[in-house]
Amino acid sequence: MTTLYEVDFVEWTEKQVQLLRAEEFEKVDWNNIIEEIESLGATEKRALKNRLVVLLMHLLKWQFQESHRSDSWQITIDNQRIDIEEILEENPSLRLRFSEYVAKAYPTAIRRAATETKLPRATFPIVCLYTLDQIMDEAYLP
């Protein structure tokens, strides 16, 4: 049996809001609401990690490929810092685990930096040497 959730997500959300506002809790599709709330949290975490990957990759490229530095790289670094700060402002609990997300993002940043620069992966430190303050410091470039 197909449910409204599967057929028309927008209509399903509107219906769930109506039921919640009317306090008709017995009619609420709790299983799918729980899944959606979990998904929203996961989306924010993924967004933070993805922004960190791009930022760290560009910091690595900046540091290890000096001859190719460009305004474009600096703009990307600035933009990622701004976007990361917005994510952290909207989700303060992620700030408490920021170092964890840096550690998760760093291996992917190395992989992408190596691919883009054509430098061996061994060129890049295995552990992120940038401090959390440096990563988010708008004036810092390695």
Foldseek 3Di string as FASTA:
>chain_A
DDDCCRVPVVVLVVVQVVCVVVVVVVPHPVVVVVVVVVVVVVVLLVLLLVLLLLLLLLLVCVVQVVVPDDVVSLVSNLVSLVVNVVSCVVPVVVVVCVVVSNQVNNVSSLVVSCVVVVPDSVVDDPGDPADPCLSNPSPHRD
